[in-house]
Amino acid sequence: MIKLFSVKEKQKKEAAAANGLSKAVKQSAGELRLQKDISELNLGKGVSLTFPEGKDKLLTFEITIRPDEGTYKSGAFTFSFNISTSYPHDAPKVKCKTKVYHPNIDLEGNVCLNILREDWKPVLSINSVIYGLQFLFLDPNPEDPLNKEAAEMLQSNPRQFEHSVQMAIMRGSSIGTSYFPPCRG
């Protein structure tokens, strides 16, 4: 049987030695779980992970999704993740940094994804959230919109919706009263 406490103590000592410190900084349970989640990430084609504040700041990172099919094909969409130390009991805070015309993403970058709200459970992981975000680009849900204008266009005129999205991705364009800069991947 593995002695969990001795393994954690050894990790602390190794971290202290690597950083030249006599005492390692104690990590929260959320940080330990996040380390595990990140080490187990299965980033598929078109998904990348960056740590803008450095790899030692695990609680803040960015994911960029480049869909290779669907309406949002050829675009690059970056999401910021802010993880609380009470993760996985609290869902990650996810914002879209790329201005995008999407029924489930508003103009401020808020994301309407059920697992980030009422359906979050501690058994879910960062991988689950990434899959959910990818699915939003493959199959936008006009039934639960944050951007009602985009949802209405998708329902009433899907061809116009697709054309508008592609124009915005490739060249940048105005849709309604908002300008969307190009976001080619």
N, C-alpha and C. Protein backbone atom coordinates (compact mmCIF):
# COMPACT_ATOMS: atom_id res chain seq x y z
N MET A 1 0.83 -1.18 0.00
CA MET A 1 0.00 0.00 0.00
C MET A 1 0.88 1.25 0.00
N ILE A 2 0.53 2.21 -0.81
CA ILE A 2 1.29 3.45 -0.90
C ILE A 2 0.97 4.31 0.31
N LYS A 3 2.00 4.83 0.91
CA LYS A 3 1.79 5.73 2.04
C LYS A 3 1.66 7.14 1.48
N LEU A 4 0.43 7.60 1.37
CA LEU A 4 0.12 8.87 0.73
C LEU A 4 0.84 10.03 1.39
N PHE A 5 0.89 10.05 2.70
CA PHE A 5 1.51 11.19 3.39
C PHE A 5 3.01 11.23 3.13
N SER A 6 3.64 10.08 3.06
CA SER A 6 5.08 10.08 2.78
C SER A 6 5.35 10.51 1.34
N VAL A 7 4.46 10.19 0.41
CA VAL A 7 4.61 10.62 -0.98
C VAL A 7 4.47 12.15 -1.06
N LYS A 8 3.46 12.70 -0.37
CA LYS A 8 3.29 14.16 -0.38
C LYS A 8 4.47 14.86 0.28
N GLU A 9 4.99 14.31 1.36
CA GLU A 9 6.14 14.90 2.04
C GLU A 9 7.36 14.88 1.12
N LYS A 10 7.53 13.79 0.42
CA LYS A 10 8.65 13.68 -0.52
C LYS A 10 8.52 14.73 -1.63
N GLN A 11 7.28 14.91 -2.14
CA GLN A 11 7.05 15.92 -3.18
C GLN A 11 7.38 17.31 -2.66
N LYS A 12 7.01 17.60 -1.44
CA LYS A 12 7.32 18.91 -0.86
C LYS A 12 8.82 19.13 -0.77
N LYS A 13 9.54 18.11 -0.31
CA LYS A 13 11.00 18.22 -0.18
C LYS A 13 11.65 18.40 -1.55
N GLU A 14 11.17 17.65 -2.54
CA GLU A 14 11.72 17.79 -3.89
C GLU A 14 11.45 19.17 -4.46
N ALA A 15 10.25 19.68 -4.22
CA ALA A 15 9.92 21.02 -4.70
C ALA A 15 10.79 22.06 -4.02
N ALA A 16 11.03 21.90 -2.73
CA ALA A 16 11.88 22.83 -2.00
C ALA A 16 13.30 22.79 -2.54
N ALA A 17 13.80 21.59 -2.79
CA ALA A 17 15.16 21.46 -3.31
C ALA A 17 15.26 22.07 -4.70
N ALA A 18 14.25 21.86 -5.53
CA ALA A 18 14.27 22.41 -6.90
C ALA A 18 14.22 23.93 -6.89
N ASN A 19 13.54 24.51 -5.93
CA ASN A 19 13.41 25.97 -5.86
C ASN A 19 14.48 26.60 -4.97
N GLY A 20 15.32 25.79 -4.36
CA GLY A 20 16.34 26.31 -3.47
C GLY A 20 15.75 26.82 -2.16
N LEU A 21 14.61 26.33 -1.79
CA LEU A 21 13.95 26.76 -0.56
C LEU A 21 14.09 25.66 0.49
N SER A 22 14.09 26.07 1.73
CA SER A 22 14.16 25.05 2.78
C SER A 22 12.79 24.45 3.05
N LYS A 23 11.74 25.23 2.83
CA LYS A 23 10.38 24.72 3.01
C LYS A 23 9.60 24.93 1.73
N ALA A 24 8.88 23.91 1.31
CA ALA A 24 8.05 24.03 0.11
C ALA A 24 6.76 24.77 0.47
N VAL A 25 6.21 25.47 -0.50
CA VAL A 25 4.94 26.13 -0.31
C VAL A 25 3.86 25.06 -0.32
N LYS A 26 2.99 25.12 0.67
CA LYS A 26 1.94 24.12 0.76
C LYS A 26 0.90 24.39 -0.32
N GLN A 27 0.57 23.35 -1.06
CA GLN A 27 -0.43 23.47 -2.11
C GLN A 27 -1.80 23.09 -1.56
N SER A 28 -2.82 23.80 -2.07
CA SER A 28 -4.18 23.47 -1.68
C SER A 28 -4.61 22.18 -2.38
N ALA A 29 -5.68 21.60 -1.88
CA ALA A 29 -6.23 20.40 -2.52
C ALA A 29 -6.62 20.72 -3.96
N GLY A 30 -7.15 21.93 -4.18
CA GLY A 30 -7.51 22.35 -5.54
C GLY A 30 -6.32 22.41 -6.47
N GLU A 31 -5.20 22.91 -5.97
CA GLU A 31 -3.99 22.97 -6.81
C GLU A 31 -3.48 21.58 -7.13
N LEU A 32 -3.54 20.69 -6.15
CA LEU A 32 -3.10 19.31 -6.40
C LEU A 32 -4.00 18.64 -7.44
N ARG A 33 -5.30 18.83 -7.31
CA ARG A 33 -6.23 18.25 -8.29
C ARG A 33 -6.00 18.85 -9.67
N LEU A 34 -5.77 20.16 -9.72
CA LEU A 34 -5.53 20.82 -11.00
C LEU A 34 -4.26 20.29 -11.65
N GLN A 35 -3.20 20.07 -10.86
CA GLN A 35 -1.97 19.48 -11.41
C GLN A 35 -2.28 18.14 -12.06
N LYS A 36 -3.07 17.34 -11.38
CA LYS A 36 -3.44 16.03 -11.91
C LYS A 36 -4.23 16.19 -13.21
N ASP A 37 -5.22 17.09 -13.20
CA ASP A 37 -6.03 17.31 -14.40
C ASP A 37 -5.17 17.76 -15.58
N ILE A 38 -4.27 18.68 -15.33
CA ILE A 38 -3.43 19.19 -16.42
C ILE A 38 -2.50 18.10 -16.93
N SER A 39 -1.96 17.29 -16.03
CA SER A 39 -1.07 16.21 -16.48
C SER A 39 -1.81 15.16 -17.31
N GLU A 40 -3.12 15.05 -17.10
CA GLU A 40 -3.92 14.07 -17.82
C GLU A 40 -4.67 14.66 -19.02
N LEU A 41 -4.41 15.93 -19.35
CA LEU A 41 -5.11 16.55 -20.47
C LEU A 41 -4.86 15.78 -21.75
N ASN A 42 -5.91 15.66 -22.52
CA ASN A 42 -5.82 15.01 -23.82
C ASN A 42 -6.19 16.07 -24.86
N LEU A 43 -5.22 16.94 -25.14
CA LEU A 43 -5.47 18.03 -26.08
C LEU A 43 -5.42 17.48 -27.50
N GLY A 44 -6.55 17.50 -28.13
CA GLY A 44 -6.63 17.01 -29.50
C GLY A 44 -6.08 18.02 -30.49
N LYS A 45 -6.17 17.64 -31.73
CA LYS A 45 -5.75 18.52 -32.81
C LYS A 45 -6.55 19.82 -32.74
N GLY A 46 -5.88 20.92 -32.84
CA GLY A 46 -6.56 22.20 -32.84
C GLY A 46 -6.79 22.80 -31.46
N VAL A 47 -6.21 22.22 -30.41
CA VAL A 47 -6.35 22.77 -29.07
C VAL A 47 -4.96 22.95 -28.48
N SER A 48 -4.70 24.14 -27.92
CA SER A 48 -3.41 24.38 -27.29
C SER A 48 -3.61 25.02 -25.93
N LEU A 49 -2.62 24.85 -25.08
CA LEU A 49 -2.64 25.32 -23.70
C LEU A 49 -1.44 26.22 -23.48
N THR A 50 -1.66 27.39 -22.84
CA THR A 50 -0.56 28.28 -22.48
C THR A 50 -0.75 28.77 -21.05
N PHE A 51 0.34 29.15 -20.43
CA PHE A 51 0.34 29.72 -19.09
C PHE A 51 0.93 31.13 -19.19
N PRO A 52 0.09 32.14 -19.43
CA PRO A 52 0.59 33.51 -19.63
C PRO A 52 1.37 34.07 -18.44
N GLU A 53 1.06 33.60 -17.23
CA GLU A 53 1.75 34.09 -16.03
C GLU A 53 2.90 33.17 -15.62
N GLY A 54 3.22 32.19 -16.45
CA GLY A 54 4.28 31.24 -16.14
C GLY A 54 3.71 29.91 -15.68
N LYS A 55 4.47 28.85 -15.93
CA LYS A 55 3.99 27.50 -15.62
C LYS A 55 3.86 27.23 -14.13
N ASP A 56 4.44 28.08 -13.29
CA ASP A 56 4.29 27.89 -11.86
C ASP A 56 2.98 28.48 -11.33
N LYS A 57 2.24 29.17 -12.19
CA LYS A 57 0.94 29.75 -11.82
C LYS A 57 -0.16 28.92 -12.49
N LEU A 58 -0.39 27.73 -11.96
CA LEU A 58 -1.33 26.78 -12.56
C LEU A 58 -2.78 27.24 -12.51
N LEU A 59 -3.14 28.10 -11.58
CA LEU A 59 -4.54 28.46 -11.40
C LEU A 59 -5.06 29.39 -12.49
N THR A 60 -4.17 29.89 -13.34
CA THR A 60 -4.56 30.77 -14.44
C THR A 60 -3.88 30.28 -15.71
N PHE A 61 -4.67 29.94 -16.71
CA PHE A 61 -4.11 29.50 -17.98
C PHE A 61 -5.09 29.81 -19.10
N GLU A 62 -4.65 29.59 -20.32
CA GLU A 62 -5.49 29.84 -21.49
C GLU A 62 -5.51 28.62 -22.39
N ILE A 63 -6.66 28.40 -22.99
CA ILE A 63 -6.85 27.34 -23.98
C ILE A 63 -7.26 28.02 -25.28
N THR A 64 -6.64 27.64 -26.39
CA THR A 64 -7.05 28.13 -27.70
C THR A 64 -7.60 26.95 -28.49
N ILE A 65 -8.79 27.17 -29.03
CA ILE A 65 -9.48 26.14 -29.82
C ILE A 65 -9.53 26.61 -31.26
N ARG A 66 -9.09 25.73 -32.18
CA ARG A 66 -9.12 26.00 -33.62
C ARG A 66 -9.96 24.91 -34.28
N PRO A 67 -11.28 25.15 -34.41
CA PRO A 67 -12.15 24.12 -34.99
C PRO A 67 -11.73 23.78 -36.43
N ASP A 68 -11.77 22.50 -36.77
CA ASP A 68 -11.41 22.09 -38.13
C ASP A 68 -12.63 21.66 -38.94
N GLU A 69 -13.83 21.90 -38.36
CA GLU A 69 -15.06 21.63 -39.09
C GLU A 69 -16.17 22.50 -38.50
N GLY A 70 -17.26 22.58 -39.22
CA GLY A 70 -18.41 23.34 -38.73
C GLY A 70 -18.36 24.82 -39.10
N THR A 71 -19.32 25.55 -38.60
CA THR A 71 -19.48 26.98 -38.91
C THR A 71 -18.24 27.79 -38.52
N TYR A 72 -17.56 27.41 -37.46
CA TYR A 72 -16.44 28.19 -36.93
C TYR A 72 -15.08 27.69 -37.42
N LYS A 73 -15.10 26.84 -38.44
CA LYS A 73 -13.87 26.31 -39.03
C LYS A 73 -12.97 27.47 -39.45
N SER A 74 -11.68 27.32 -39.24
CA SER A 74 -10.64 28.30 -39.59
C SER A 74 -10.47 29.40 -38.57
N GLY A 75 -11.28 29.42 -37.53
CA GLY A 75 -11.15 30.44 -36.49
C GLY A 75 -10.24 29.96 -35.36
N ALA A 76 -9.77 30.90 -34.56
CA ALA A 76 -8.99 30.60 -33.36
C ALA A 76 -9.63 31.35 -32.20
N PHE A 77 -10.02 30.63 -31.17
CA PHE A 77 -10.77 31.21 -30.06
C PHE A 77 -10.06 30.89 -28.75
N THR A 78 -9.68 31.94 -28.04
CA THR A 78 -8.92 31.78 -26.81
C THR A 78 -9.82 31.99 -25.60
N PHE A 79 -9.68 31.09 -24.64
CA PHE A 79 -10.45 31.13 -23.41
C PHE A 79 -9.50 31.23 -22.23
N SER A 80 -9.80 32.14 -21.31
CA SER A 80 -9.03 32.21 -20.07
C SER A 80 -9.73 31.36 -19.02
N PHE A 81 -8.92 30.64 -18.25
CA PHE A 81 -9.41 29.81 -17.16
C PHE A 81 -8.83 30.36 -15.86
N ASN A 82 -9.70 30.62 -14.90
CA ASN A 82 -9.27 31.01 -13.56
C ASN A 82 -9.87 29.98 -12.61
N ILE A 83 -8.97 29.33 -11.90
CA ILE A 83 -9.37 28.22 -11.04
C ILE A 83 -9.24 28.66 -9.59
N SER A 84 -10.26 28.41 -8.79
CA SER A 84 -10.18 28.76 -7.37
C SER A 84 -9.46 27.64 -6.63
N THR A 85 -8.95 27.96 -5.45
CA THR A 85 -8.27 26.94 -4.66
C THR A 85 -9.25 25.89 -4.14
N SER A 86 -10.55 26.16 -4.26
CA SER A 86 -11.54 25.16 -3.84
C SER A 86 -11.97 24.25 -4.98
N TYR A 87 -11.27 24.35 -6.13
CA TYR A 87 -11.49 23.43 -7.23
C TYR A 87 -11.18 22.03 -6.72
N PRO A 88 -11.88 21.02 -7.04
CA PRO A 88 -12.94 20.85 -8.02
C PRO A 88 -14.35 21.07 -7.47
N HIS A 89 -14.46 21.53 -6.24
CA HIS A 89 -15.79 21.76 -5.69
C HIS A 89 -16.46 22.97 -6.34
N ASP A 90 -15.67 23.91 -6.81
CA ASP A 90 -16.17 25.05 -7.57
C ASP A 90 -15.72 24.92 -9.01
N ALA A 91 -16.61 25.23 -9.93
CA ALA A 91 -16.29 25.15 -11.36
C ALA A 91 -15.25 26.20 -11.73
N PRO A 92 -14.46 25.95 -12.76
CA PRO A 92 -13.53 26.97 -13.25
C PRO A 92 -14.32 28.18 -13.77
N LYS A 93 -13.71 29.34 -13.68
CA LYS A 93 -14.28 30.55 -14.27
C LYS A 93 -13.65 30.67 -15.66
N VAL A 94 -14.48 30.60 -16.68
CA VAL A 94 -14.00 30.58 -18.07
C VAL A 94 -14.58 31.77 -18.81
N LYS A 95 -13.72 32.50 -19.52
CA LYS A 95 -14.14 33.65 -20.34
C LYS A 95 -13.52 33.49 -21.72
N CYS A 96 -14.28 33.86 -22.74
CA CYS A 96 -13.76 33.85 -24.10
C CYS A 96 -13.08 35.20 -24.34
N LYS A 97 -11.80 35.18 -24.65
CA LYS A 97 -11.04 36.41 -24.89
C LYS A 97 -11.18 36.90 -26.32
N THR A 98 -11.66 36.02 -27.20
CA THR A 98 -11.85 36.35 -28.61
C THR A 98 -13.28 36.82 -28.80
N LYS A 99 -13.46 37.99 -29.39
CA LYS A 99 -14.81 38.47 -29.65
C LYS A 99 -15.38 37.63 -30.79
N VAL A 100 -16.48 36.95 -30.50
CA VAL A 100 -17.04 36.00 -31.46
C VAL A 100 -18.56 36.12 -31.48
N TYR A 101 -19.12 35.95 -32.67
CA TYR A 101 -20.57 35.96 -32.85
C TYR A 101 -21.06 34.54 -32.65
N HIS A 102 -21.60 34.28 -31.47
CA HIS A 102 -21.98 32.92 -31.10
C HIS A 102 -23.18 32.97 -30.17
N PRO A 103 -24.17 32.11 -30.36
CA PRO A 103 -25.35 32.14 -29.50
C PRO A 103 -25.03 31.90 -28.01
N ASN A 104 -23.97 31.15 -27.72
CA ASN A 104 -23.68 30.77 -26.35
C ASN A 104 -22.51 31.52 -25.73
N ILE A 105 -22.04 32.57 -26.43
CA ILE A 105 -20.96 33.41 -25.91
C ILE A 105 -21.38 34.85 -26.14
N ASP A 106 -21.46 35.64 -25.06
CA ASP A 106 -21.89 37.02 -25.25
C ASP A 106 -20.71 37.92 -25.63
N LEU A 107 -20.99 39.18 -25.86
CA LEU A 107 -19.97 40.11 -26.34
C LEU A 107 -18.93 40.46 -25.27
N GLU A 108 -19.20 40.13 -24.01
CA GLU A 108 -18.22 40.32 -22.94
C GLU A 108 -17.38 39.07 -22.70
N GLY A 109 -17.65 38.01 -23.45
CA GLY A 109 -16.87 36.78 -23.33
C GLY A 109 -17.42 35.77 -22.34
N ASN A 110 -18.58 36.03 -21.77
CA ASN A 110 -19.21 35.05 -20.88
C ASN A 110 -19.66 33.84 -21.70
N VAL A 111 -19.51 32.67 -21.12
CA VAL A 111 -19.80 31.42 -21.83
C VAL A 111 -20.98 30.72 -21.17
N CYS A 112 -21.95 30.34 -21.99
CA CYS A 112 -23.11 29.59 -21.50
C CYS A 112 -22.87 28.11 -21.79
N LEU A 113 -22.36 27.43 -20.78
CA LEU A 113 -22.08 26.00 -20.87
C LEU A 113 -22.54 25.39 -19.55
N ASN A 114 -23.50 24.49 -19.61
CA ASN A 114 -24.14 23.99 -18.38
C ASN A 114 -23.16 23.43 -17.36
N ILE A 115 -22.07 22.80 -17.79
CA ILE A 115 -21.14 22.24 -16.82
C ILE A 115 -20.31 23.31 -16.12
N LEU A 116 -20.39 24.54 -16.58
CA LEU A 116 -19.72 25.64 -15.87
C LEU A 116 -20.66 26.30 -14.88
N ARG A 117 -21.89 25.85 -14.87
CA ARG A 117 -22.90 26.44 -13.98
C ARG A 117 -23.56 25.34 -13.15
N GLU A 118 -24.83 25.14 -13.40
CA GLU A 118 -25.64 24.25 -12.55
C GLU A 118 -25.27 22.78 -12.64
N ASP A 119 -24.67 22.33 -13.72
CA ASP A 119 -24.34 20.92 -13.87
C ASP A 119 -22.90 20.57 -13.47
N TRP A 120 -22.18 21.53 -12.87
CA TRP A 120 -20.81 21.23 -12.44
C TRP A 120 -20.84 20.24 -11.29
N LYS A 121 -19.93 19.27 -11.36
CA LYS A 121 -19.75 18.29 -10.30
C LYS A 121 -18.25 18.09 -10.12
N PRO A 122 -17.80 17.82 -8.90
CA PRO A 122 -16.36 17.64 -8.67
C PRO A 122 -15.71 16.51 -9.47
N VAL A 123 -16.50 15.57 -9.98
CA VAL A 123 -15.91 14.50 -10.79
C VAL A 123 -15.52 14.99 -12.18
N LEU A 124 -16.06 16.14 -12.59
CA LEU A 124 -15.68 16.71 -13.89
C LEU A 124 -14.27 17.28 -13.81
N SER A 125 -13.66 17.47 -14.96
CA SER A 125 -12.27 17.94 -15.00
C SER A 125 -12.11 19.04 -16.04
N ILE A 126 -10.91 19.56 -16.12
CA ILE A 126 -10.59 20.57 -17.13
C ILE A 126 -10.83 19.98 -18.52
N ASN A 127 -10.50 18.71 -18.70
CA ASN A 127 -10.74 18.04 -19.97
C ASN A 127 -12.22 18.10 -20.35
N SER A 128 -13.12 17.90 -19.37
CA SER A 128 -14.56 17.97 -19.62
C SER A 128 -14.96 19.34 -20.12
N VAL A 129 -14.38 20.38 -19.52
CA VAL A 129 -14.71 21.75 -19.93
C VAL A 129 -14.21 22.00 -21.35
N ILE A 130 -13.02 21.55 -21.67
CA ILE A 130 -12.48 21.75 -23.02
C ILE A 130 -13.35 21.04 -24.05
N TYR A 131 -13.77 19.82 -23.76
CA TYR A 131 -14.67 19.11 -24.68
C TYR A 131 -15.97 19.88 -24.85
N GLY A 132 -16.50 20.41 -23.76
CA GLY A 132 -17.73 21.20 -23.83
C GLY A 132 -17.56 22.43 -24.70
N LEU A 133 -16.43 23.13 -24.56
CA LEU A 133 -16.17 24.32 -25.38
C LEU A 133 -16.04 23.93 -26.86
N GLN A 134 -15.34 22.84 -27.14
CA GLN A 134 -15.22 22.39 -28.52
C GLN A 134 -16.59 22.08 -29.11
N PHE A 135 -17.43 21.45 -28.31
CA PHE A 135 -18.77 21.09 -28.79
C PHE A 135 -19.59 22.34 -29.10
N LEU A 136 -19.42 23.42 -28.33
CA LEU A 136 -20.14 24.66 -28.62
C LEU A 136 -19.83 25.18 -30.03
N PHE A 137 -18.61 24.95 -30.50
CA PHE A 137 -18.25 25.41 -31.84
C PHE A 137 -18.75 24.46 -32.92
N LEU A 138 -18.93 23.21 -32.58
CA LEU A 138 -19.46 22.25 -33.55
C LEU A 138 -20.98 22.32 -33.64
N ASP A 139 -21.63 22.59 -32.52
CA ASP A 139 -23.08 22.57 -32.47
C ASP A 139 -23.61 23.65 -31.52
N PRO A 140 -23.59 24.91 -31.96
CA PRO A 140 -24.10 25.98 -31.10
C PRO A 140 -25.55 25.70 -30.69
N ASN A 141 -25.90 26.10 -29.47
CA ASN A 141 -27.23 25.82 -28.94
C ASN A 141 -28.06 27.10 -28.87
N PRO A 142 -28.93 27.35 -29.86
CA PRO A 142 -29.75 28.56 -29.82
C PRO A 142 -30.88 28.49 -28.79
N GLU A 143 -31.08 27.33 -28.18
CA GLU A 143 -32.15 27.17 -27.18
C GLU A 143 -31.77 27.74 -25.82
N ASP A 144 -30.49 27.96 -25.57
CA ASP A 144 -30.01 28.47 -24.28
C ASP A 144 -28.98 29.57 -24.55
N PRO A 145 -29.42 30.69 -25.13
CA PRO A 145 -28.46 31.69 -25.61
C PRO A 145 -28.03 32.72 -24.56
N LEU A 146 -26.83 33.21 -24.75
CA LEU A 146 -26.38 34.43 -24.08
C LEU A 146 -26.45 35.59 -25.07
N ASN A 147 -26.22 35.28 -26.34
CA ASN A 147 -26.33 36.27 -27.40
C ASN A 147 -27.62 35.96 -28.17
N LYS A 148 -28.69 36.64 -27.77
CA LYS A 148 -30.02 36.35 -28.34
C LYS A 148 -30.09 36.67 -29.83
N GLU A 149 -29.38 37.72 -30.27
CA GLU A 149 -29.37 38.09 -31.69
C GLU A 149 -28.77 36.96 -32.53
N ALA A 150 -27.65 36.41 -32.08
CA ALA A 150 -27.01 35.31 -32.81
C ALA A 150 -27.92 34.08 -32.81
N ALA A 151 -28.56 33.81 -31.68
CA ALA A 151 -29.46 32.65 -31.59
C ALA A 151 -30.64 32.80 -32.55
N GLU A 152 -31.20 34.00 -32.62
CA GLU A 152 -32.34 34.23 -33.52
C GLU A 152 -31.92 34.07 -34.98
N MET A 153 -30.74 34.58 -35.34
CA MET A 153 -30.29 34.44 -36.72
C MET A 153 -30.02 32.97 -37.04
N LEU A 154 -29.40 32.24 -36.11
CA LEU A 154 -29.13 30.82 -36.34
C LEU A 154 -30.44 30.05 -36.56
N GLN A 155 -31.47 30.37 -35.80
CA GLN A 155 -32.74 29.66 -35.95
C GLN A 155 -33.51 30.09 -37.19
N SER A 156 -33.52 31.38 -37.48
CA SER A 156 -34.35 31.86 -38.59
C SER A 156 -33.66 31.77 -39.95
N ASN A 157 -32.34 31.91 -39.99
CA ASN A 157 -31.64 31.91 -41.27
C ASN A 157 -30.24 31.29 -41.09
N PRO A 158 -30.15 29.97 -40.97
CA PRO A 158 -28.86 29.32 -40.71
C PRO A 158 -27.78 29.62 -41.75
N ARG A 159 -28.18 29.76 -43.02
CA ARG A 159 -27.18 30.07 -44.07
C ARG A 159 -26.60 31.47 -43.86
N GLN A 160 -27.43 32.44 -43.52
CA GLN A 160 -26.96 33.79 -43.25
C GLN A 160 -26.06 33.80 -42.01
N PHE A 161 -26.45 33.05 -41.01
CA PHE A 161 -25.65 32.95 -39.79
C PHE A 161 -24.25 32.42 -40.12
N GLU A 162 -24.19 31.32 -40.86
CA GLU A 162 -22.90 30.73 -41.22
C GLU A 162 -22.06 31.69 -42.06
N HIS A 163 -22.69 32.37 -43.01
CA HIS A 163 -21.98 33.34 -43.85
C HIS A 163 -21.43 34.49 -42.99
N SER A 164 -22.23 35.00 -42.08
CA SER A 164 -21.80 36.10 -41.22
C SER A 164 -20.62 35.69 -40.34
N VAL A 165 -20.70 34.50 -39.76
CA VAL A 165 -19.61 34.01 -38.90
C VAL A 165 -18.33 33.86 -39.71
N GLN A 166 -18.41 33.26 -40.90
CA GLN A 166 -17.22 33.06 -41.73
C GLN A 166 -16.61 34.39 -42.17
N MET A 167 -17.45 35.36 -42.50
CA MET A 167 -16.94 36.69 -42.88
C MET A 167 -16.19 37.32 -41.71
N ALA A 168 -16.75 37.20 -40.52
CA ALA A 168 -16.10 37.77 -39.34
C ALA A 168 -14.77 37.06 -39.06
N ILE A 169 -14.74 35.73 -39.17
CA ILE A 169 -13.51 34.98 -38.90
C ILE A 169 -12.43 35.34 -39.91
N MET A 170 -12.77 35.36 -41.18
CA MET A 170 -11.76 35.54 -42.22
C MET A 170 -11.31 36.99 -42.40
N ARG A 171 -12.25 37.93 -42.39
CA ARG A 171 -11.88 39.32 -42.70
C ARG A 171 -12.22 40.30 -41.60
N GLY A 172 -13.04 39.88 -40.68
CA GLY A 172 -13.57 40.82 -39.70
C GLY A 172 -14.77 41.50 -40.33
N SER A 173 -15.83 41.66 -39.59
CA SER A 173 -17.00 42.33 -40.15
C SER A 173 -17.94 42.73 -39.03
N SER A 174 -18.86 43.60 -39.38
CA SER A 174 -19.90 43.99 -38.44
C SER A 174 -21.11 43.09 -38.64
N ILE A 175 -21.66 42.67 -37.53
CA ILE A 175 -22.90 41.90 -37.55
C ILE A 175 -23.82 42.65 -36.60
N GLY A 176 -24.91 43.13 -37.14
CA GLY A 176 -25.77 43.99 -36.33
C GLY A 176 -25.01 45.25 -36.00
N THR A 177 -24.94 45.60 -34.75
CA THR A 177 -24.24 46.83 -34.33
C THR A 177 -22.84 46.57 -33.78
N SER A 178 -22.37 45.34 -33.84
CA SER A 178 -21.06 45.00 -33.28
C SER A 178 -20.06 44.61 -34.35
N TYR A 179 -18.82 45.07 -34.17
CA TYR A 179 -17.75 44.68 -35.08
C TYR A 179 -17.00 43.50 -34.45
N PHE A 180 -16.71 42.50 -35.29
CA PHE A 180 -15.97 41.32 -34.87
C PHE A 180 -14.66 41.27 -35.64
N PRO A 181 -13.53 41.44 -34.97
CA PRO A 181 -12.24 41.40 -35.68
C PRO A 181 -11.95 40.00 -36.22
N PRO A 182 -11.12 39.91 -37.24
CA PRO A 182 -10.79 38.57 -37.77
C PRO A 182 -10.11 37.74 -36.70
N CYS A 183 -10.36 36.46 -36.74
CA CYS A 183 -9.76 35.54 -35.75
C CYS A 183 -9.34 34.25 -36.42
N ARG A 184 -8.66 34.38 -37.55
CA ARG A 184 -8.21 33.18 -38.28
C ARG A 184 -7.20 32.41 -37.46
N GLY A 185 -7.33 31.11 -37.55
CA GLY A 185 -6.42 30.23 -36.81
C GLY A 185 -5.29 29.82 -37.66
